[in-house]
Amino acid sequence: LADDLQSSHYAFILAICREPGRSQEDLARELCVNK
């Protein structure tokens, strides 16, 4: 129901909530996207 989110944001929210405090570089590696 969050109007300001799209499906592309869900993976980021899931990853950040799963491991709070991770670096953006770690997120890029886990999600297989560029920095």
PDB file of all heavy atoms in Angstrom:
ATOM      1  N   LEU A   1       0.788  -1.230   0.000  1.00  0.00           N
ATOM      2  CA  LEU A   1       0.000   0.000   0.000  1.00  0.00           C
ATOM      3  C   LEU A   1       0.822   1.283   0.000  1.00  0.00           C
ATOM      4  O   LEU A   1       0.256   2.363  -0.138  1.00  0.00           O
ATOM      5  CB  LEU A   1      -0.965  -0.007   1.190  1.00  0.00           C
ATOM      6  CG  LEU A   1      -1.961  -1.168   1.203  1.00  0.00           C
ATOM      7  CD1 LEU A   1      -2.818  -1.121   2.455  1.00  0.00           C
ATOM      8  CD2 LEU A   1      -2.827  -1.157  -0.049  1.00  0.00           C
ATOM      9  N   ALA A   2       2.123   1.191   0.150  1.00  0.00           N
ATOM     10  CA  ALA A   2       2.968   2.388   0.165  1.00  0.00           C
ATOM     11  C   ALA A   2       2.996   3.007  -1.230  1.00  0.00           C
ATOM     12  O   ALA A   2       3.555   2.433  -2.158  1.00  0.00           O
ATOM     13  CB  ALA A   2       4.371   2.029   0.635  1.00  0.00           C
ATOM     14  N   ASP A   3       2.381   4.168  -1.371  1.00  0.00           N
ATOM     15  CA  ASP A   3       2.275   4.828  -2.678  1.00  0.00           C
ATOM     16  C   ASP A   3       3.620   5.305  -3.219  1.00  0.00           C
ATOM     17  O   ASP A   3       3.758   5.493  -4.429  1.00  0.00           O
ATOM     18  CB  ASP A   3       1.337   6.033  -2.592  1.00  0.00           C
ATOM     19  CG  ASP A   3      -0.104   5.629  -2.356  1.00  0.00           C
ATOM     20  OD1 ASP A   3      -0.486   4.500  -2.723  1.00  0.00           O
ATOM     21  OD2 ASP A   3      -0.851   6.451  -1.799  1.00  0.00           O
ATOM     22  N   ASP A   4       4.569   5.530  -2.339  1.00  0.00           N
ATOM     23  CA  ASP A   4       5.850   6.079  -2.778  1.00  0.00           C
ATOM     24  C   ASP A   4       6.907   5.002  -3.057  1.00  0.00           C
ATOM     25  O   ASP A   4       8.064   5.313  -3.271  1.00  0.00           O
ATOM     26  CB  ASP A   4       6.379   7.087  -1.756  1.00  0.00           C
ATOM     27  CG  ASP A   4       6.433   6.546  -0.341  1.00  0.00           C
ATOM     28  OD1 ASP A   4       5.973   5.406  -0.103  1.00  0.00           O
ATOM     29  OD2 ASP A   4       6.916   7.272   0.547  1.00  0.00           O
ATOM     30  N   LEU A   5       6.495   3.734  -3.080  1.00  0.00           N
ATOM     31  CA  LEU A   5       7.423   2.641  -3.386  1.00  0.00           C
ATOM     32  C   LEU A   5       7.009   1.934  -4.667  1.00  0.00           C
ATOM     33  O   LEU A   5       5.832   1.804  -4.958  1.00  0.00           O
ATOM     34  CB  LEU A   5       7.447   1.614  -2.249  1.00  0.00           C
ATOM     35  CG  LEU A   5       8.053   2.040  -0.931  1.00  0.00           C
ATOM     36  CD1 LEU A   5       7.935   0.900   0.080  1.00  0.00           C
ATOM     37  CD2 LEU A   5       9.508   2.454  -1.097  1.00  0.00           C
ATOM     38  N   GLN A   6       8.013   1.470  -5.393  1.00  0.00           N
ATOM     39  CA  GLN A   6       7.799   0.629  -6.560  1.00  0.00           C
ATOM     40  C   GLN A   6       8.525  -0.681  -6.322  1.00  0.00           C
ATOM     41  O   GLN A   6       9.344  -0.799  -5.407  1.00  0.00           O
ATOM     42  CB  GLN A   6       8.330   1.312  -7.825  1.00  0.00           C
ATOM     43  CG  GLN A   6       7.523   2.521  -8.242  1.00  0.00           C
ATOM     44  CD  GLN A   6       6.088   2.134  -8.606  1.00  0.00           C
ATOM     45  OE1 GLN A   6       5.857   1.188  -9.343  1.00  0.00           O
ATOM     46  NE2 GLN A   6       5.129   2.878  -8.086  1.00  0.00           N
ATOM     47  N   SER A   7       8.253  -1.648  -7.154  1.00  0.00           N
ATOM     48  CA  SER A   7       8.826  -2.981  -6.958  1.00  0.00           C
ATOM     49  C   SER A   7      10.355  -2.954  -6.925  1.00  0.00           C
ATOM     50  O   SER A   7      10.970  -3.760  -6.243  1.00  0.00           O
ATOM     51  CB  SER A   7       8.342  -3.933  -8.042  1.00  0.00           C
ATOM     52  OG  SER A   7       8.745  -3.480  -9.310  1.00  0.00           O
ATOM     53  N   SER A   8      10.963  -2.018  -7.632  1.00  0.00           N
ATOM     54  CA  SER A   8      12.432  -1.942  -7.622  1.00  0.00           C
ATOM     55  C   SER A   8      12.983  -1.601  -6.237  1.00  0.00           C
ATOM     56  O   SER A   8      14.137  -1.920  -5.936  1.00  0.00           O
ATOM     57  CB  SER A   8      12.919  -0.907  -8.637  1.00  0.00           C
ATOM     58  OG  SER A   8      12.405   0.379  -8.330  1.00  0.00           O
ATOM     59  N   HIS A   9      12.180  -1.000  -5.389  1.00  0.00           N
ATOM     60  CA  HIS A   9      12.635  -0.629  -4.046  1.00  0.00           C
ATOM     61  C   HIS A   9      12.525  -1.774  -3.044  1.00  0.00           C
ATOM     62  O   HIS A   9      13.186  -1.762  -2.020  1.00  0.00           O
ATOM     63  CB  HIS A   9      11.826   0.571  -3.531  1.00  0.00           C
ATOM     64  CG  HIS A   9      11.930   1.761  -4.409  1.00  0.00           C
ATOM     65  ND1 HIS A   9      10.827   2.334  -5.013  1.00  0.00           N
ATOM     66  CD2 HIS A   9      12.991   2.483  -4.825  1.00  0.00           C
ATOM     67  CE1 HIS A   9      11.217   3.369  -5.736  1.00  0.00           C
ATOM     68  NE2 HIS A   9      12.529   3.473  -5.645  1.00  0.00           N
ATOM     69  N   TYR A  10      11.672  -2.755  -3.327  1.00  0.00           N
ATOM     70  CA  TYR A  10      11.413  -3.820  -2.358  1.00  0.00           C
ATOM     71  C   TYR A  10      12.665  -4.621  -2.028  1.00  0.00           C
ATOM     72  O   TYR A  10      12.910  -4.937  -0.872  1.00  0.00           O
ATOM     73  CB  TYR A  10      10.302  -4.757  -2.845  1.00  0.00           C
ATOM     74  CG  TYR A  10       8.983  -4.073  -3.116  1.00  0.00           C
ATOM     75  CD1 TYR A  10       8.128  -4.580  -4.075  1.00  0.00           C
ATOM     76  CD2 TYR A  10       8.586  -2.931  -2.441  1.00  0.00           C
ATOM     77  CE1 TYR A  10       6.903  -3.966  -4.349  1.00  0.00           C
ATOM     78  CE2 TYR A  10       7.384  -2.312  -2.702  1.00  0.00           C
ATOM     79  CZ  TYR A  10       6.543  -2.833  -3.657  1.00  0.00           C
ATOM     80  OH  TYR A  10       5.345  -2.227  -3.916  1.00  0.00           O
ATOM     81  N   ALA A  11      13.445  -4.959  -3.042  1.00  0.00           N
ATOM     82  CA  ALA A  11      14.660  -5.739  -2.798  1.00  0.00           C
ATOM     83  C   ALA A  11      15.614  -4.975  -1.887  1.00  0.00           C
ATOM     84  O   ALA A  11      16.261  -5.568  -1.015  1.00  0.00           O
ATOM     85  CB  ALA A  11      15.350  -6.090  -4.109  1.00  0.00           C
ATOM     86  N   PHE A  12      15.688  -3.664  -2.062  1.00  0.00           N
ATOM     87  CA  PHE A  12      16.555  -2.851  -1.208  1.00  0.00           C
ATOM     88  C   PHE A  12      16.052  -2.844   0.223  1.00  0.00           C
ATOM     89  O   PHE A  12      16.831  -3.024   1.165  1.00  0.00           O
ATOM     90  CB  PHE A  12      16.656  -1.417  -1.760  1.00  0.00           C
ATOM     91  CG  PHE A  12      17.468  -1.319  -3.007  1.00  0.00           C
ATOM     92  CD1 PHE A  12      16.865  -1.401  -4.246  1.00  0.00           C
ATOM     93  CD2 PHE A  12      18.839  -1.173  -2.946  1.00  0.00           C
ATOM     94  CE1 PHE A  12      17.611  -1.333  -5.408  1.00  0.00           C
ATOM     95  CE2 PHE A  12      19.606  -1.100  -4.093  1.00  0.00           C
ATOM     96  CZ  PHE A  12      18.991  -1.186  -5.341  1.00  0.00           C
ATOM     97  N   ILE A  13      14.756  -2.659   0.406  1.00  0.00           N
ATOM     98  CA  ILE A  13      14.198  -2.649   1.759  1.00  0.00           C
ATOM     99  C   ILE A  13      14.392  -4.009   2.430  1.00  0.00           C
ATOM    100  O   ILE A  13      14.808  -4.079   3.588  1.00  0.00           O
ATOM    101  CB  ILE A  13      12.712  -2.231   1.738  1.00  0.00           C
ATOM    102  CG1 ILE A  13      12.622  -0.738   1.398  1.00  0.00           C
ATOM    103  CG2 ILE A  13      12.034  -2.524   3.084  1.00  0.00           C
ATOM    104  CD1 ILE A  13      11.229  -0.190   1.274  1.00  0.00           C
ATOM    105  N   LEU A  14      14.129  -5.080   1.697  1.00  0.00           N
ATOM    106  CA  LEU A  14      14.330  -6.421   2.261  1.00  0.00           C
ATOM    107  C   LEU A  14      15.778  -6.631   2.687  1.00  0.00           C
ATOM    108  O   LEU A  14      16.054  -7.116   3.788  1.00  0.00           O
ATOM    109  CB  LEU A  14      13.910  -7.493   1.248  1.00  0.00           C
ATOM    110  CG  LEU A  14      12.408  -7.632   1.006  1.00  0.00           C
ATOM    111  CD1 LEU A  14      12.146  -8.469  -0.240  1.00  0.00           C
ATOM    112  CD2 LEU A  14      11.710  -8.229   2.215  1.00  0.00           C
ATOM    113  N   ALA A  15      16.715  -6.278   1.827  1.00  0.00           N
ATOM    114  CA  ALA A  15      18.137  -6.483   2.124  1.00  0.00           C
ATOM    115  C   ALA A  15      18.605  -5.606   3.285  1.00  0.00           C
ATOM    116  O   ALA A  15      19.352  -6.064   4.156  1.00  0.00           O
ATOM    117  CB  ALA A  15      18.977  -6.212   0.876  1.00  0.00           C
ATOM    118  N   ILE A  16      18.167  -4.372   3.318  1.00  0.00           N
ATOM    119  CA  ILE A  16      18.586  -3.449   4.388  1.00  0.00           C
ATOM    120  C   ILE A  16      17.985  -3.865   5.723  1.00  0.00           C
ATOM    121  O   ILE A  16      18.663  -3.817   6.762  1.00  0.00           O
ATOM    122  CB  ILE A  16      18.206  -2.000   4.018  1.00  0.00           C
ATOM    123  CG1 ILE A  16      19.047  -1.537   2.813  1.00  0.00           C
ATOM    124  CG2 ILE A  16      18.386  -1.058   5.206  1.00  0.00           C
ATOM    125  CD1 ILE A  16      18.505  -0.300   2.113  1.00  0.00           C
ATOM    126  N   CYS A  17      16.734  -4.295   5.717  1.00  0.00           N
ATOM    127  CA  CYS A  17      16.108  -4.746   6.970  1.00  0.00           C
ATOM    128  C   CYS A  17      16.701  -6.070   7.441  1.00  0.00           C
ATOM    129  O   CYS A  17      16.786  -6.308   8.647  1.00  0.00           O
ATOM    130  CB  CYS A  17      14.596  -4.878   6.789  1.00  0.00           C
ATOM    131  SG  CYS A  17      13.740  -3.294   6.649  1.00  0.00           S
ATOM    132  N   ARG A  18      17.099  -6.923   6.512  1.00  0.00           N
ATOM    133  CA  ARG A  18      17.694  -8.212   6.872  1.00  0.00           C
ATOM    134  C   ARG A  18      19.056  -8.020   7.541  1.00  0.00           C
ATOM    135  O   ARG A  18      19.421  -8.763   8.438  1.00  0.00           O
ATOM    136  CB  ARG A  18      17.837  -9.083   5.614  1.00  0.00           C
ATOM    137  CG  ARG A  18      18.285 -10.491   5.860  1.00  0.00           C
ATOM    138  CD  ARG A  18      18.242 -11.408   4.635  1.00  0.00           C
ATOM    139  NE  ARG A  18      18.621 -10.798   3.373  1.00  0.00           N
ATOM    140  CZ  ARG A  18      17.768 -10.448   2.405  1.00  0.00           C
ATOM    141  NH1 ARG A  18      16.476 -10.628   2.554  1.00  0.00           N
ATOM    142  NH2 ARG A  18      18.197  -9.900   1.285  1.00  0.00           N
ATOM    143  N   GLU A  19      19.790  -6.989   7.105  1.00  0.00           N
ATOM    144  CA  GLU A  19      21.112  -6.734   7.667  1.00  0.00           C
ATOM    145  C   GLU A  19      21.338  -5.227   7.792  1.00  0.00           C
ATOM    146  O   GLU A  19      22.011  -4.612   6.967  1.00  0.00           O
ATOM    147  CB  GLU A  19      22.191  -7.362   6.775  1.00  0.00           C
ATOM    148  CG  GLU A  19      23.554  -7.394   7.401  1.00  0.00           C
ATOM    149  CD  GLU A  19      24.584  -8.037   6.491  1.00  0.00           C
ATOM    150  OE1 GLU A  19      24.235  -8.968   5.735  1.00  0.00           O
ATOM    151  OE2 GLU A  19      25.739  -7.592   6.549  1.00  0.00           O
ATOM    152  N   PRO A  20      20.761  -4.620   8.840  1.00  0.00           N
ATOM    153  CA  PRO A  20      20.921  -3.175   9.031  1.00  0.00           C
ATOM    154  C   PRO A  20      22.394  -2.797   9.187  1.00  0.00           C
ATOM    155  O   PRO A  20      23.173  -3.528   9.799  1.00  0.00           O
ATOM    156  CB  PRO A  20      20.160  -2.897  10.332  1.00  0.00           C
ATOM    157  CG  PRO A  20      19.211  -4.036  10.473  1.00  0.00           C
ATOM    158  CD  PRO A  20      19.910  -5.223   9.871  1.00  0.00           C
ATOM    159  N   GLY A  21      22.748  -1.670   8.587  1.00  0.00           N
ATOM    160  CA  GLY A  21      24.110  -1.173   8.718  1.00  0.00           C
ATOM    161  C   GLY A  21      25.048  -1.642   7.625  1.00  0.00           C
ATOM    162  O   GLY A  21      26.222  -1.293   7.628  1.00  0.00           O
ATOM    163  N   ARG A  22      24.541  -2.398   6.684  1.00  0.00           N
ATOM    164  CA  ARG A  22      25.418  -2.871   5.606  1.00  0.00           C
ATOM    165  C   ARG A  22      25.785  -1.708   4.697  1.00  0.00           C
ATOM    166  O   ARG A  22      25.079  -0.709   4.624  1.00  0.00           O
ATOM    167  CB  ARG A  22      24.755  -3.998   4.850  1.00  0.00           C
ATOM    168  CG  ARG A  22      23.520  -3.583   4.112  1.00  0.00           C
ATOM    169  CD  ARG A  22      22.739  -4.722   3.561  1.00  0.00           C
ATOM    170  NE  ARG A  22      23.595  -5.807   3.143  1.00  0.00           N
ATOM    171  CZ  ARG A  22      23.193  -6.980   2.740  1.00  0.00           C
ATOM    172  NH1 ARG A  22      21.915  -7.222   2.694  1.00  0.00           N
ATOM    173  NH2 ARG A  22      24.019  -7.907   2.361  1.00  0.00           N
ATOM    174  N   SER A  23      26.872  -1.869   3.983  1.00  0.00           N
ATOM    175  CA  SER A  23      27.333  -0.802   3.102  1.00  0.00           C
ATOM    176  C   SER A  23      26.599  -0.856   1.773  1.00  0.00           C
ATOM    177  O   SER A  23      26.030  -1.879   1.393  1.00  0.00           O
ATOM    178  CB  SER A  23      28.842  -0.931   2.852  1.00  0.00           C
ATOM    179  OG  SER A  23      29.118  -2.050   2.029  1.00  0.00           O
ATOM    180  N   GLN A  24      26.635   0.262   1.070  1.00  0.00           N
ATOM    181  CA  GLN A  24      26.028   0.303  -0.255  1.00  0.00           C
ATOM    182  C   GLN A  24      26.754  -0.659  -1.191  1.00  0.00           C
ATOM    183  O   GLN A  24      26.133  -1.257  -2.070  1.00  0.00           O
ATOM    184  CB  GLN A  24      26.050   1.732  -0.804  1.00  0.00           C
ATOM    185  CG  GLN A  24      25.088   2.643  -0.090  1.00  0.00           C
ATOM    186  CD  GLN A  24      24.976   4.019  -0.727  1.00  0.00           C
ATOM    187  OE1 GLN A  24      24.336   4.865  -0.154  1.00  0.00           O
ATOM    188  NE2 GLN A  24      25.554   4.270  -1.869  1.00  0.00           N
ATOM    189  N   GLU A  25      28.046  -0.814  -0.996  1.00  0.00           N
ATOM    190  CA  GLU A  25      28.816  -1.759  -1.815  1.00  0.00           C
ATOM    191  C   GLU A  25      28.327  -3.189  -1.596  1.00  0.00           C
ATOM    192  O   GLU A  25      28.190  -3.968  -2.536  1.00  0.00           O
ATOM    193  CB  GLU A  25      30.301  -1.645  -1.478  1.00  0.00           C
ATOM    194  CG  GLU A  25      31.192  -2.366  -2.450  1.00  0.00           C
ATOM    195  CD  GLU A  25      32.654  -2.028  -2.242  1.00  0.00           C
ATOM    196  OE1 GLU A  25      32.994  -0.831  -2.245  1.00  0.00           O
ATOM    197  OE2 GLU A  25      33.442  -2.977  -2.095  1.00  0.00           O
ATOM    198  N   ASP A  26      28.036  -3.552  -0.347  1.00  0.00           N
ATOM    199  CA  ASP A  26      27.473  -4.879  -0.050  1.00  0.00           C
ATOM    200  C   ASP A  26      26.114  -5.058  -0.726  1.00  0.00           C
ATOM    201  O   ASP A  26      25.804  -6.131  -1.235  1.00  0.00           O
ATOM    202  CB  ASP A  26      27.309  -5.091   1.460  1.00  0.00           C
ATOM    203  CG  ASP A  26      28.624  -5.301   2.181  1.00  0.00           C
ATOM    204  OD1 ASP A  26      29.636  -5.601   1.524  1.00  0.00           O
ATOM    205  OD2 ASP A  26      28.625  -5.171   3.424  1.00  0.00           O
ATOM    206  N   LEU A  27      25.305  -4.007  -0.703  1.00  0.00           N
ATOM    207  CA  LEU A  27      24.001  -4.078  -1.358  1.00  0.00           C
ATOM    208  C   LEU A  27      24.158  -4.320  -2.855  1.00  0.00           C
ATOM    209  O   LEU A  27      23.445  -5.138  -3.431  1.00  0.00           O
ATOM    210  CB  LEU A  27      23.206  -2.791  -1.124  1.00  0.00           C
ATOM    211  CG  LEU A  27      22.632  -2.586   0.268  1.00  0.00           C
ATOM    212  CD1 LEU A  27      22.100  -1.163   0.423  1.00  0.00           C
ATOM    213  CD2 LEU A  27      21.537  -3.596   0.553  1.00  0.00           C
ATOM    214  N   ALA A  28      25.097  -3.630  -3.474  1.00  0.00           N
ATOM    215  CA  ALA A  28      25.330  -3.812  -4.912  1.00  0.00           C
ATOM    216  C   ALA A  28      25.726  -5.249  -5.210  1.00  0.00           C
ATOM    217  O   ALA A  28      25.219  -5.862  -6.161  1.00  0.00           O
ATOM    218  CB  ALA A  28      26.417  -2.850  -5.388  1.00  0.00           C
ATOM    219  N   ARG A  29      26.589  -5.788  -4.386  1.00  0.00           N
ATOM    220  CA  ARG A  29      27.046  -7.170  -4.588  1.00  0.00           C
ATOM    221  C   ARG A  29      25.895  -8.163  -4.395  1.00  0.00           C
ATOM    222  O   ARG A  29      25.700  -9.051  -5.208  1.00  0.00           O
ATOM    223  CB  ARG A  29      28.194  -7.466  -3.602  1.00  0.00           C
ATOM    224  CG  ARG A  29      29.109  -8.555  -4.020  1.00  0.00           C
ATOM    225  CD  ARG A  29      30.365  -8.724  -3.162  1.00  0.00           C
ATOM    226  NE  ARG A  29      30.450  -8.008  -1.904  1.00  0.00           N
ATOM    227  CZ  ARG A  29      31.074  -6.835  -1.736  1.00  0.00           C
ATOM    228  NH1 ARG A  29      31.660  -6.235  -2.744  1.00  0.00           N
ATOM    229  NH2 ARG A  29      31.121  -6.257  -0.549  1.00  0.00           N
ATOM    230  N   GLU A  30      25.132  -8.006  -3.332  1.00  0.00           N
ATOM    231  CA  GLU A  30      24.040  -8.951  -3.066  1.00  0.00           C
ATOM    232  C   GLU A  30      22.937  -8.882  -4.112  1.00  0.00           C
ATOM    233  O   GLU A  30      22.409  -9.899  -4.547  1.00  0.00           O
ATOM    234  CB  GLU A  30      23.416  -8.709  -1.693  1.00  0.00           C
ATOM    235  CG  GLU A  30      22.273  -9.680  -1.427  1.00  0.00           C
ATOM    236  CD  GLU A  30      21.523  -9.440  -0.134  1.00  0.00           C
ATOM    237  OE1 GLU A  30      22.107  -8.925   0.834  1.00  0.00           O
ATOM    238  OE2 GLU A  30      20.333  -9.789  -0.093  1.00  0.00           O
ATOM    239  N   LEU A  31      22.586  -7.675  -4.511  1.00  0.00           N
ATOM    240  CA  LEU A  31      21.464  -7.498  -5.431  1.00  0.00           C
ATOM    241  C   LEU A  31      21.880  -7.566  -6.905  1.00  0.00           C
ATOM    242  O   LEU A  31      21.032  -7.462  -7.789  1.00  0.00           O
ATOM    243  CB  LEU A  31      20.752  -6.172  -5.138  1.00  0.00           C
ATOM    244  CG  LEU A  31      20.172  -6.038  -3.730  1.00  0.00           C
ATOM    245  CD1 LEU A  31      19.586  -4.648  -3.519  1.00  0.00           C
ATOM    246  CD2 LEU A  31      19.143  -7.117  -3.453  1.00  0.00           C
ATOM    247  N   CYS A  32      23.183  -7.720  -7.133  1.00  0.00           N
ATOM    248  CA  CYS A  32      23.711  -7.820  -8.505  1.00  0.00           C
ATOM    249  C   CYS A  32      23.329  -6.607  -9.347  1.00  0.00           C
ATOM    250  O   CYS A  32      22.811  -6.731 -10.461  1.00  0.00           O
ATOM    251  CB  CYS A  32      23.251  -9.109  -9.176  1.00  0.00           C
ATOM    252  SG  CYS A  32      23.884 -10.584  -8.385  1.00  0.00           S
ATOM    253  N   VAL A  33      23.560  -5.434  -8.786  1.00  0.00           N
ATOM    254  CA  VAL A  33      23.344  -4.184  -9.509  1.00  0.00           C
ATOM    255  C   VAL A  33      24.592  -3.325  -9.354  1.00  0.00           C
ATOM    256  O   VAL A  33      25.413  -3.559  -8.459  1.00  0.00           O
ATOM    257  CB  VAL A  33      22.092  -3.422  -9.001  1.00  0.00           C
ATOM    258  CG1 VAL A  33      20.819  -4.212  -9.268  1.00  0.00           C
ATOM    259  CG2 VAL A  33      22.199  -3.090  -7.525  1.00  0.00           C
ATOM    260  N   ASN A  34      24.730  -2.327 -10.212  1.00  0.00           N
ATOM    261  CA  ASN A  34      25.918  -1.480 -10.096  1.00  0.00           C
ATOM    262  C   ASN A  34      25.755  -0.459  -8.969  1.00  0.00           C
ATOM    263  O   ASN A  34      24.654  -0.234  -8.471  1.00  0.00           O
ATOM    264  CB  ASN A  34      26.270  -0.828 -11.435  1.00  0.00           C
ATOM    265  CG  ASN A  34      25.175   0.054 -11.963  1.00  0.00           C
ATOM    266  OD1 ASN A  34      24.546   0.809 -11.215  1.00  0.00           O
ATOM    267  ND2 ASN A  34      24.934  -0.016 -13.260  1.00  0.00           N
ATOM    268  N   LYS A  35      26.870   0.133  -8.601  1.00  0.00           N
ATOM    269  CA  LYS A  35      26.880   1.046  -7.449  1.00  0.00           C
ATOM    270  C   LYS A  35      26.010   2.278  -7.671  1.00  0.00           C
ATOM    271  O   LYS A  35      25.403   2.789  -6.731  1.00  0.00           O
ATOM    272  CB  LYS A  35      28.318   1.457  -7.126  1.00  0.00           C
ATOM    273  CG  LYS A  35      29.154   0.312  -6.617  1.00  0.00           C
ATOM    274  CD  LYS A  35      30.595   0.731  -6.403  1.00  0.00           C
ATOM    275  CE  LYS A  35      31.463  -0.465  -6.069  1.00  0.00           C
ATOM    276  NZ  LYS A  35      32.868  -0.093  -5.915  1.00  0.00           N
TER     277      LYS A  35
END
